[in-house]
Structures are given as structure tokens and as C-alpha cells.
């Protein structure tokens, strides 16, 4: 399991963050560890709380990293913020009944989407998921939607080229299926044929998974 740190860096005097988990374009060296946790969102909440507090002297800023993992910004840690949020469809488990439009089943292991869609802030992503799921409840459709949190830097990246001049980039990214802490639950598994399984008893606020993203680019000019 990954270990996350909220770490302080120097805040550039001429930089205006786009949000409380934004990162300067050229961050300096990593400094004091503010918090550490196994869960991404525990470290993220600590970083956001620090960044929203009155500015420190000298000015500092908190970012979230995975220490010990090779990153693009720092070789000693992979940069996880800023977090991107997306809304994707999942399979609706047989026998599962939601209690609210923000519920997420415990047994959702793979979202039917990729981290290549529209990026949203969290309040907007939660509102979109709620609206889509309310439509499913009102009209009895089998579609259900959840919020995905996508970490900034990939776990790994490889680039290859073929004889036709096509560049293929493969990124493995860590994603998190988010269950809101307020107003959401795992729903009702009473009618699920697998209700005696461990997944029916598990509770979580975020579920970690990985996604393989492949991009192709033709490097040879086309006539």
C-alpha cells in the first residue's frame, strides 16, 4: 500500500494558486513533513487545511507526495497533487440498492472509464455524479456513476517508437474511487447473492486502483 506525505515547500512570491491543492510550476526542494498517512485523502486534507490557513512567515505551501517513488518533479518522491476529479460509469451489482444518489457499492473494483475525460473540481464532480444517479433512480436505468480522483504524476511511464514513426506512450496512473464522507453510504446489499462475502462488510471512503493509459502520436508528416 502507498504511503502519502503532506510536505511543505517554499511558496513563490509571484504565484497565485488555482486551488488549495495546486502546485507551483517550478517547486523547490521538499521540506518539513506536515502529515503522513496510508490514505491519500487524509494527507490531502492536511495539506489543504495548511494552505487555507493564514500565510506562514516565510511563505510556505503544502503538497502531497508518495515518498520513495521516483517522480518527474523530485527523484525521491512522486508528486500526487493537484488531484483531478472525473465522473465515470460503473457496473451496477446484482441485488445492490442505493439509498442516496451519492452511494457507492463496496464491491466496485473497476470503473468503466479512463482518466482522460473532463477534469473537474471535487464539488462539481460530486454534483454531476449526484445528478446522473438521480436520473437513474427516477427512470429505473442500470447506469450508475462515481467520482474518480486521479493523482498528478503517473506511477510509471514508457515511450516506444515503431518503424512507421508512431510514438506510443504508456502511463500507469493511480486512481481512487471516492465515496463522499457526508451523505453517502455503501447502499443496501441485502439482496445481493454474495452478501456473505467480505465486500459486503467492508467500509471505505476511497478505493485505490490503477489504470493503464495508452497514447499514440504519428511523428511522420502526412501527405
Protein backbone atom coordinates (compact mmCIF):
# COMPACT_ATOMS: atom_id res chain seq x y z
CA UNK A 1 0.00 0.00 0.00
CA UNK A 2 1.19 3.51 -0.80
CA UNK A 3 2.29 5.90 1.93
CA UNK A 4 1.44 9.57 1.44
CA UNK A 5 3.12 12.63 2.94
CA UNK A 6 1.90 16.22 3.10
CA UNK A 7 5.16 18.14 2.74
CA UNK A 8 5.98 21.84 2.96
CA UNK A 9 7.78 23.71 0.18
CA UNK A 10 8.62 27.39 -0.34
CA UNK A 11 5.77 29.35 -1.91
CA UNK A 12 6.88 31.64 -4.79
CA UNK A 13 6.01 35.26 -4.07
CA UNK A 14 4.56 35.86 -7.56
CA UNK A 15 2.50 32.64 -7.77
CA UNK A 16 -1.31 32.58 -7.46
CA UNK A 17 -2.64 29.03 -6.88
CA UNK A 18 -5.70 27.89 -8.83
CA UNK A 19 -6.92 25.94 -5.80
CA UNK A 20 -5.87 24.78 -2.32
CA UNK A 21 -4.11 21.68 -3.70
CA UNK A 22 -2.38 23.41 -6.64
CA UNK A 23 1.40 23.17 -7.09
CA UNK A 24 3.83 25.91 -8.23
CA UNK A 25 5.10 25.37 -11.81
CA UNK A 26 8.71 25.06 -10.57
CA UNK A 27 8.55 23.91 -6.93
CA UNK A 28 11.73 24.00 -4.89
CA UNK A 29 13.10 21.25 -2.63
CA UNK A 30 10.88 19.29 -0.27
CA UNK A 31 10.93 20.43 3.34
CA UNK A 32 9.22 19.51 6.59
CA UNK A 33 6.70 16.64 6.64
CA UNK A 34 3.39 18.05 7.82
CA UNK A 35 1.45 14.74 7.95
CA UNK A 36 1.69 11.16 6.72
CA UNK A 37 -0.99 8.54 6.09
CA UNK A 38 -1.84 5.38 4.16
CA UNK A 39 -4.90 7.11 2.68
CA UNK A 40 -4.41 9.81 0.04
CA UNK A 41 -7.28 11.94 1.30
CA UNK A 42 -6.01 12.07 4.87
CA UNK A 43 -2.76 13.62 3.62
CA UNK A 44 -4.69 15.80 1.15
CA UNK A 45 -6.94 17.21 3.88
CA UNK A 46 -3.87 18.10 5.96
CA UNK A 47 -2.27 19.88 3.00
CA UNK A 48 -5.44 21.78 2.08
CA UNK A 49 -6.04 22.84 5.70
CA UNK A 50 -2.50 24.22 5.89
CA UNK A 51 -2.83 26.04 2.55
CA UNK A 52 -6.15 27.62 3.56
CA UNK A 53 -4.80 28.87 6.92
CA UNK A 54 -3.24 32.36 7.28
CA UNK A 55 0.08 32.50 5.38
CA UNK A 56 3.16 31.41 7.28
CA UNK A 57 6.30 33.52 7.55
CA UNK A 58 8.29 32.88 5.45
CA UNK A 59 5.54 31.83 2.99
CA UNK A 60 5.17 28.06 2.74
CA UNK A 61 2.87 25.74 0.77
CA UNK A 62 1.87 22.09 1.30
CA UNK A 63 1.89 19.42 -1.41
CA UNK A 64 1.15 15.69 -1.27
CA UNK A 65 3.80 13.20 -2.37
CA UNK A 66 4.47 9.47 -2.27
CA UNK A 67 7.98 9.22 -0.78
CA UNK A 68 10.37 6.59 -2.07
CA UNK A 69 8.72 6.53 -5.50
CA UNK A 70 10.54 8.05 -8.49
CA UNK A 71 8.78 11.18 -9.69
CA UNK A 72 9.11 13.68 -12.53
CA UNK A 73 9.42 16.69 -10.19
CA UNK A 74 11.53 15.09 -7.44
CA UNK A 75 13.53 11.88 -7.79
CA UNK A 76 12.89 11.00 -4.14
CA UNK A 77 9.09 11.35 -4.21
CA UNK A 78 6.23 11.20 -6.70
CA UNK A 79 4.01 14.30 -6.76
CA UNK A 80 0.33 13.46 -6.23
CA UNK A 81 -1.25 16.94 -6.21
CA UNK A 82 -3.07 18.65 -7.76
CA UNK A 83 -5.78 15.97 -7.78
CA UNK A 84 -8.04 15.76 -10.85
CA UNK A 85 -11.63 14.56 -10.45
CA UNK A 86 -13.73 12.85 -13.10
CA UNK A 87 -17.15 11.19 -13.25
CA UNK A 88 -17.26 7.69 -14.76
CA UNK A 89 -19.81 4.88 -15.08
CA UNK A 90 -19.52 1.60 -13.17
CA UNK A 91 -21.30 -1.73 -13.36
CA UNK A 92 -24.35 -1.92 -11.10
CA UNK A 93 -24.03 -5.02 -8.86
CA UNK A 94 -26.89 -7.50 -9.00
CA UNK A 95 -29.08 -7.09 -5.91
CA UNK A 96 -27.48 -3.82 -4.81
CA UNK A 97 -29.84 -0.97 -3.88
CA UNK A 98 -28.59 2.60 -3.31
CA UNK A 99 -30.04 4.69 -0.53
CA UNK A 100 -28.90 8.03 -1.99
CA UNK A 101 -27.58 9.23 -5.37
CA UNK A 102 -24.06 9.52 -3.90
CA UNK A 103 -23.85 5.91 -2.64
CA UNK A 104 -21.02 3.72 -3.91
CA UNK A 105 -21.13 -0.10 -3.61
CA UNK A 106 -18.33 -1.76 -1.64
CA UNK A 107 -17.67 -4.22 -4.46
CA UNK A 108 -16.83 -1.69 -7.17
CA UNK A 109 -13.30 -2.60 -8.22
CA UNK A 110 -13.04 -1.11 -11.68
CA UNK A 111 -14.63 1.98 -13.14
CA UNK A 112 -15.69 1.75 -16.78
CA UNK A 113 -13.76 4.84 -17.77
CA UNK A 114 -10.28 6.29 -18.09
CA UNK A 115 -8.61 9.37 -16.58
CA UNK A 116 -8.79 11.13 -19.96
CA UNK A 117 -12.18 12.82 -19.68
CA UNK A 118 -13.15 16.28 -18.45
CA UNK A 119 -11.30 17.41 -15.32
CA UNK A 120 -13.46 18.94 -12.59
CA UNK A 121 -13.01 20.23 -9.06
CA UNK A 122 -14.46 17.97 -6.40
CA UNK A 123 -17.71 19.88 -5.66
CA UNK A 124 -18.55 19.97 -9.38
CA UNK A 125 -17.72 16.27 -9.88
CA UNK A 126 -19.88 15.26 -6.89
CA UNK A 127 -22.75 17.39 -8.18
CA UNK A 128 -22.55 15.80 -11.65
CA UNK A 129 -22.49 12.27 -10.18
CA UNK A 130 -25.45 13.08 -7.94
CA UNK A 131 -27.49 14.47 -10.86
CA UNK A 132 -26.75 11.50 -13.15
CA UNK A 133 -27.53 8.96 -10.42
CA UNK A 134 -30.76 10.73 -9.52
CA UNK A 135 -31.83 10.33 -13.14
CA UNK A 136 -31.04 6.61 -12.90
CA UNK A 137 -33.16 6.31 -9.75
CA UNK A 138 -36.04 8.29 -11.25
CA UNK A 139 -36.12 6.38 -14.53
CA UNK A 140 -35.02 2.92 -13.40
CA UNK A 141 -31.92 2.64 -15.61
CA UNK A 142 -28.95 0.37 -14.91
CA UNK A 143 -26.37 3.17 -15.17
CA UNK A 144 -24.54 4.36 -12.04
CA UNK A 145 -21.77 6.91 -11.69
CA UNK A 146 -18.93 7.53 -9.25
CA UNK A 147 -16.24 10.15 -8.78
CA UNK A 148 -12.66 9.21 -9.64
CA UNK A 149 -9.71 11.06 -8.13
CA UNK A 150 -6.62 10.94 -10.36
CA UNK A 151 -3.16 11.57 -8.93
CA UNK A 152 -0.95 14.09 -10.74
CA UNK A 153 2.18 12.14 -11.68
CA UNK A 154 1.95 8.59 -13.09
CA UNK A 155 3.35 5.55 -11.30
CA UNK A 156 5.38 4.75 -14.41
CA UNK A 157 5.76 5.94 -17.99
CA UNK A 158 7.32 4.25 -21.02
CA UNK A 159 7.76 5.61 -24.55
CA UNK A 160 8.43 3.45 -27.61
CA UNK A 161 8.69 4.03 -31.39
CA UNK A 162 7.94 1.75 -34.32
CA UNK A 163 9.27 1.66 -37.88
CA UNK A 164 6.28 3.65 -39.17
CA UNK A 165 7.22 6.61 -36.98
CA UNK A 166 4.47 6.16 -34.39
CA UNK A 167 5.28 7.11 -30.82
CA UNK A 168 3.45 5.11 -28.14
CA UNK A 169 3.37 6.41 -24.58
CA UNK A 170 2.05 4.16 -21.83
CA UNK A 171 1.30 5.62 -18.40
CA UNK A 172 0.18 3.71 -15.34
CA UNK A 173 -1.77 6.05 -13.06
CA UNK A 174 -3.15 5.57 -9.57
CA UNK A 175 -6.87 6.32 -9.26
CA UNK A 176 -9.20 6.44 -6.29
CA UNK A 177 -12.92 5.75 -6.37
CA UNK A 178 -14.32 8.32 -3.95
CA UNK A 179 -17.17 7.78 -1.52
CA UNK A 180 -18.20 11.14 -0.01
CA UNK A 181 -17.85 11.26 3.78
CA UNK A 182 -21.18 13.08 4.16
CA UNK A 183 -24.50 11.98 2.69
CA UNK A 184 -23.30 8.71 1.18
CA UNK A 185 -23.01 5.05 2.16
CA UNK A 186 -22.30 1.65 0.64
CA UNK A 187 -26.00 1.16 -0.09
CA UNK A 188 -28.05 -1.95 0.70
CA UNK A 189 -26.50 -5.35 -0.13
CA UNK A 190 -29.36 -7.38 1.44
CA UNK A 191 -30.49 -8.80 -1.90
CA UNK A 192 -27.03 -9.44 -3.34
CA UNK A 193 -26.28 -13.16 -3.89
CA UNK A 194 -22.77 -12.54 -2.48
CA UNK A 195 -23.88 -10.74 0.68
CA UNK A 196 -21.91 -13.17 2.87
CA UNK A 197 -18.64 -12.14 1.18
CA UNK A 198 -16.15 -9.78 2.81
CA UNK A 199 -17.00 -6.98 0.36
CA UNK A 200 -20.49 -6.74 1.91
CA UNK A 201 -18.89 -5.95 5.28
CA UNK A 202 -16.15 -3.58 4.13
CA UNK A 203 -16.36 0.16 4.60
CA UNK A 204 -14.10 2.69 2.96
CA UNK A 205 -14.05 6.34 1.88
CA UNK A 206 -11.71 5.82 -1.09
CA UNK A 207 -10.79 2.71 -3.07
CA UNK A 208 -7.37 2.61 -4.70
CA UNK A 209 -6.78 1.13 -8.16
CA UNK A 210 -4.56 1.69 -11.18
CA UNK A 211 -5.29 2.46 -14.81
CA UNK A 212 -3.16 1.95 -17.93
CA UNK A 213 -3.42 4.91 -20.31
CA UNK A 214 -2.04 4.50 -23.85
CA UNK A 215 -1.49 7.41 -26.24
CA UNK A 216 -0.26 7.20 -29.86
CA UNK A 217 1.34 10.03 -31.87
CA UNK A 218 2.46 9.93 -35.52
CA UNK A 219 5.85 11.61 -35.84
CA UNK A 220 5.95 11.33 -39.65
CA UNK A 221 4.24 14.20 -41.57
CA UNK A 222 1.20 13.02 -43.50
CA UNK A 223 0.69 13.99 -47.15
